[in-house]
Amino acid sequence: MTEPHDHDPLRSLFQQAAADGRSRSVQPSAADITARGRGARRRRLAVFAAGACLVVGGGGAALAALLPGRADPVLPATTPSVSGPSPMGTTSPPPSFDRPTGTNPPTIGTTTSPPGGPPSSTSNGSTPPDG
């Protein structure tokens, strides 16, 4: 008993094409297969390294954004002189603002006025002068 697909013309064409493909195909050498594997491994490693750099950089940027701002820069204790260097031996020590020294006692009979100057005689103290 013959099966119906034994005499199928399409089947014989596919078998002929498969045989032709097998005869034309070339098996790559082991060195070629190894080189392709190494190239794929290098690409995966490069992608992993780039991703790690992005994660670390993004985390650093997020951390910098979340931290409080920097404090104002610290100014020097004394202001440098603009006139240039002075001769040696004529410099005096900088004034101390921690506690008063006994070298310049206040004079008796002097008064100090509040910031803004002494009150004017036209002002009665209840309202500020217009102007």
C-alpha atoms as a PDB file:
ATOM      1  CA  MET A   1       0.000   0.000   0.000  1.00  0.00           C
ATOM      2  CA  THR A   2       1.440   3.306  -1.016  1.00  0.00           C
ATOM      3  CA  GLU A   3       0.930   6.375   1.041  1.00  0.00           C
ATOM      4  CA  PRO A   4      -0.485   9.460  -0.667  1.00  0.00           C
ATOM      5  CA  HIS A   5       2.391  11.771   0.319  1.00  0.00           C
ATOM      6  CA  ASP A   6       5.093   9.606  -1.267  1.00  0.00           C
ATOM      7  CA  HIS A   7       4.251  10.949  -4.702  1.00  0.00           C
ATOM      8  CA  ASP A   8       3.645  14.537  -3.621  1.00  0.00           C
ATOM      9  CA  PRO A   9       5.616  16.877  -5.941  1.00  0.00           C
ATOM     10  CA  LEU A  10       5.891  19.629  -3.293  1.00  0.00           C
ATOM     11  CA  ARG A  11       7.434  17.223  -0.835  1.00  0.00           C
ATOM     12  CA  SER A  12      10.114  16.181  -3.312  1.00  0.00           C
ATOM     13  CA  LEU A  13      10.939  19.849  -4.004  1.00  0.00           C
ATOM     14  CA  PHE A  14      11.417  20.535  -0.283  1.00  0.00           C
ATOM     15  CA  GLN A  15      13.653  17.490   0.070  1.00  0.00           C
ATOM     16  CA  GLN A  16      15.722  18.611  -2.909  1.00  0.00           C
ATOM     17  CA  ALA A  17      16.088  22.126  -1.442  1.00  0.00           C
ATOM     18  CA  ALA A  18      17.151  20.676   1.919  1.00  0.00           C
ATOM     19  CA  ALA A  19      19.796  18.497   0.280  1.00  0.00           C
ATOM     20  CA  ASP A  20      21.085  21.463  -1.724  1.00  0.00           C
ATOM     21  CA  GLY A  21      21.282  23.602   1.453  1.00  0.00           C
ATOM     22  CA  ARG A  22      23.209  20.909   3.308  1.00  0.00           C
ATOM     23  CA  SER A  23      25.738  20.606   0.506  1.00  0.00           C
ATOM     24  CA  ARG A  24      26.334  24.378   0.362  1.00  0.00           C
ATOM     25  CA  SER A  25      26.504  24.987   4.100  1.00  0.00           C
ATOM     26  CA  VAL A  26      29.896  25.330   5.745  1.00  0.00           C
ATOM     27  CA  GLN A  27      30.466  24.339   9.328  1.00  0.00           C
ATOM     28  CA  PRO A  28      32.385  27.119  11.126  1.00  0.00           C
ATOM     29  CA  SER A  29      35.615  26.198  12.817  1.00  0.00           C
ATOM     30  CA  ALA A  30      35.920  25.953  16.585  1.00  0.00           C
ATOM     31  CA  ALA A  31      38.076  29.115  16.622  1.00  0.00           C
ATOM     32  CA  ASP A  32      35.294  31.091  14.901  1.00  0.00           C
ATOM     33  CA  ILE A  33      32.705  29.863  17.380  1.00  0.00           C
ATOM     34  CA  THR A  34      35.008  30.738  20.304  1.00  0.00           C
ATOM     35  CA  ALA A  35      35.681  34.226  18.898  1.00  0.00           C
ATOM     36  CA  ARG A  36      31.950  34.919  18.545  1.00  0.00           C
ATOM     37  CA  GLY A  37      31.398  33.801  22.145  1.00  0.00           C
ATOM     38  CA  ARG A  38      34.171  36.071  23.420  1.00  0.00           C
ATOM     39  CA  GLY A  39      32.755  39.026  21.489  1.00  0.00           C
ATOM     40  CA  ALA A  40      29.298  38.432  22.962  1.00  0.00           C
ATOM     41  CA  ARG A  41      30.816  38.207  26.443  1.00  0.00           C
ATOM     42  CA  ARG A  42      32.664  41.517  25.946  1.00  0.00           C
ATOM     43  CA  ARG A  43      29.473  43.223  24.807  1.00  0.00           C
ATOM     44  CA  ARG A  44      27.550  41.932  27.832  1.00  0.00           C
ATOM     45  CA  LEU A  45      30.326  43.093  30.154  1.00  0.00           C
ATOM     46  CA  ALA A  46      30.403  46.557  28.529  1.00  0.00           C
ATOM     47  CA  VAL A  47      26.630  46.893  28.893  1.00  0.00           C
ATOM     48  CA  PHE A  48      26.858  45.825  32.542  1.00  0.00           C
ATOM     49  CA  ALA A  49      29.680  48.341  33.240  1.00  0.00           C
ATOM     50  CA  ALA A  50      27.752  51.166  31.557  1.00  0.00           C
ATOM     51  CA  GLY A  51      24.643  50.308  33.564  1.00  0.00           C
ATOM     52  CA  ALA A  52      26.634  50.266  36.801  1.00  0.00           C
ATOM     53  CA  CYS A  53      28.099  53.696  35.995  1.00  0.00           C
ATOM     54  CA  LEU A  54      24.632  55.071  35.326  1.00  0.00           C
ATOM     55  CA  VAL A  55      23.305  53.668  38.596  1.00  0.00           C
ATOM     56  CA  VAL A  56      26.214  55.048  40.629  1.00  0.00           C
ATOM     57  CA  GLY A  57      26.082  58.433  38.882  1.00  0.00           C
ATOM     58  CA  GLY A  58      22.311  58.696  39.240  1.00  0.00           C
ATOM     59  CA  GLY A  59      22.508  57.733  42.903  1.00  0.00           C
ATOM     60  CA  GLY A  60      25.180  60.358  43.498  1.00  0.00           C
ATOM     61  CA  ALA A  61      23.108  63.022  41.758  1.00  0.00           C
ATOM     62  CA  ALA A  62      20.028  62.082  43.774  1.00  0.00           C
ATOM     63  CA  LEU A  63      22.039  62.152  46.978  1.00  0.00           C
ATOM     64  CA  ALA A  64      23.462  65.577  46.132  1.00  0.00           C
ATOM     65  CA  ALA A  65      19.978  66.870  45.410  1.00  0.00           C
ATOM     66  CA  LEU A  66      18.639  65.582  48.725  1.00  0.00           C
ATOM     67  CA  LEU A  67      21.441  66.927  50.913  1.00  0.00           C
ATOM     68  CA  PRO A  68      21.029  70.416  52.381  1.00  0.00           C
ATOM     69  CA  GLY A  69      22.788  73.282  50.623  1.00  0.00           C
ATOM     70  CA  ARG A  70      26.291  74.341  51.424  1.00  0.00           C
ATOM     71  CA  ALA A  71      26.892  76.884  54.169  1.00  0.00           C
ATOM     72  CA  ASP A  72      28.103  80.373  53.328  1.00  0.00           C
ATOM     73  CA  PRO A  73      31.862  80.591  52.869  1.00  0.00           C
ATOM     74  CA  VAL A  74      33.806  81.492  55.982  1.00  0.00           C
ATOM     75  CA  LEU A  75      35.306  84.963  55.800  1.00  0.00           C
ATOM     76  CA  PRO A  76      38.794  85.685  57.136  1.00  0.00           C
ATOM     77  CA  ALA A  77      39.106  86.993  60.688  1.00  0.00           C
ATOM     78  CA  THR A  78      40.656  90.263  59.536  1.00  0.00           C
ATOM     79  CA  THR A  79      40.354  92.088  56.287  1.00  0.00           C
ATOM     80  CA  PRO A  80      43.596  92.310  54.345  1.00  0.00           C
ATOM     81  CA  SER A  81      44.974  95.796  53.814  1.00  0.00           C
ATOM     82  CA  VAL A  82      44.538  97.255  50.353  1.00  0.00           C
ATOM     83  CA  SER A  83      47.527  99.594  50.503  1.00  0.00           C
ATOM     84  CA  GLY A  84      50.045  96.780  50.154  1.00  0.00           C
ATOM     85  CA  PRO A  85      52.591  95.252  52.475  1.00  0.00           C
ATOM     86  CA  SER A  86      53.710  97.357  55.404  1.00  0.00           C
ATOM     87  CA  PRO A  87      57.293  97.494  56.670  1.00  0.00           C
ATOM     88  CA  MET A  88      58.273  94.965  59.271  1.00  0.00           C
ATOM     89  CA  GLY A  89      57.869  95.886  62.933  1.00  0.00           C
ATOM     90  CA  THR A  90      55.193  98.561  62.480  1.00  0.00           C
ATOM     91  CA  THR A  91      52.181  96.283  62.477  1.00  0.00           C
ATOM     92  CA  SER A  92      49.927  96.220  65.483  1.00  0.00           C
ATOM     93  CA  PRO A  93      47.989  93.169  66.613  1.00  0.00           C
ATOM     94  CA  PRO A  94      44.419  92.975  65.344  1.00  0.00           C
ATOM     95  CA  PRO A  95      41.789  94.298  67.757  1.00  0.00           C
ATOM     96  CA  SER A  96      40.098  91.756  69.979  1.00  0.00           C
ATOM     97  CA  PHE A  97      36.319  91.752  69.857  1.00  0.00           C
ATOM     98  CA  ASP A  98      35.892  89.115  72.550  1.00  0.00           C
ATOM     99  CA  ARG A  99      36.164  91.361  75.600  1.00  0.00           C
ATOM    100  CA  PRO A 100      37.016  95.009  76.122  1.00  0.00           C
ATOM    101  CA  THR A 101      40.548  95.889  76.997  1.00  0.00           C
ATOM    102  CA  GLY A 102      41.543  98.375  79.640  1.00  0.00           C
ATOM    103  CA  THR A 103      43.633 100.517  77.273  1.00  0.00           C
ATOM    104  CA  ASN A 104      40.876 102.879  76.137  1.00  0.00           C
ATOM    105  CA  PRO A 105      38.406 103.565  78.950  1.00  0.00           C
ATOM    106  CA  PRO A 106      35.230 105.445  77.985  1.00  0.00           C
ATOM    107  CA  THR A 107      35.273 109.155  78.730  1.00  0.00           C
ATOM    108  CA  ILE A 108      32.871 110.439  81.330  1.00  0.00           C
ATOM    109  CA  GLY A 109      30.047 112.648  80.120  1.00  0.00           C
ATOM    110  CA  THR A 110      29.641 111.185  76.656  1.00  0.00           C
ATOM    111  CA  THR A 111      26.366 109.680  75.522  1.00  0.00           C
ATOM    112  CA  THR A 112      25.645 107.262  72.789  1.00  0.00           C
ATOM    113  CA  SER A 113      22.716 107.544  70.417  1.00  0.00           C
ATOM    114  CA  PRO A 114      20.694 104.595  69.111  1.00  0.00           C
ATOM    115  CA  PRO A 115      21.296 103.399  65.571  1.00  0.00           C
ATOM    116  CA  GLY A 116      19.787 105.799  63.078  1.00  0.00           C
ATOM    117  CA  GLY A 117      21.045 108.952  64.803  1.00  0.00           C
ATOM    118  CA  PRO A 118      19.605 111.149  67.546  1.00  0.00           C
ATOM    119  CA  PRO A 119      15.855 111.845  67.490  1.00  0.00           C
ATOM    120  CA  SER A 120      14.915 115.058  65.706  1.00  0.00           C
ATOM    121  CA  SER A 121      13.259 117.855  67.575  1.00  0.00           C
ATOM    122  CA  THR A 122      10.212 117.880  65.243  1.00  0.00           C
ATOM    123  CA  SER A 123       9.305 114.308  66.064  1.00  0.00           C
ATOM    124  CA  ASN A 124       7.230 113.615  69.167  1.00  0.00           C
ATOM    125  CA  GLY A 125       8.227 109.951  69.234  1.00  0.00           C
ATOM    126  CA  SER A 126       4.789 108.526  68.472  1.00  0.00           C
ATOM    127  CA  THR A 127       4.926 108.549  64.659  1.00  0.00           C
ATOM    128  CA  PRO A 128       7.888 108.477  62.315  1.00  0.00           C
ATOM    129  CA  PRO A 129       8.513 111.672  60.338  1.00  0.00           C
ATOM    130  CA  ASP A 130       7.235 111.782  56.750  1.00  0.00           C
ATOM    131  CA  GLY A 131       9.808 112.087  54.116  1.00  0.00           C
END
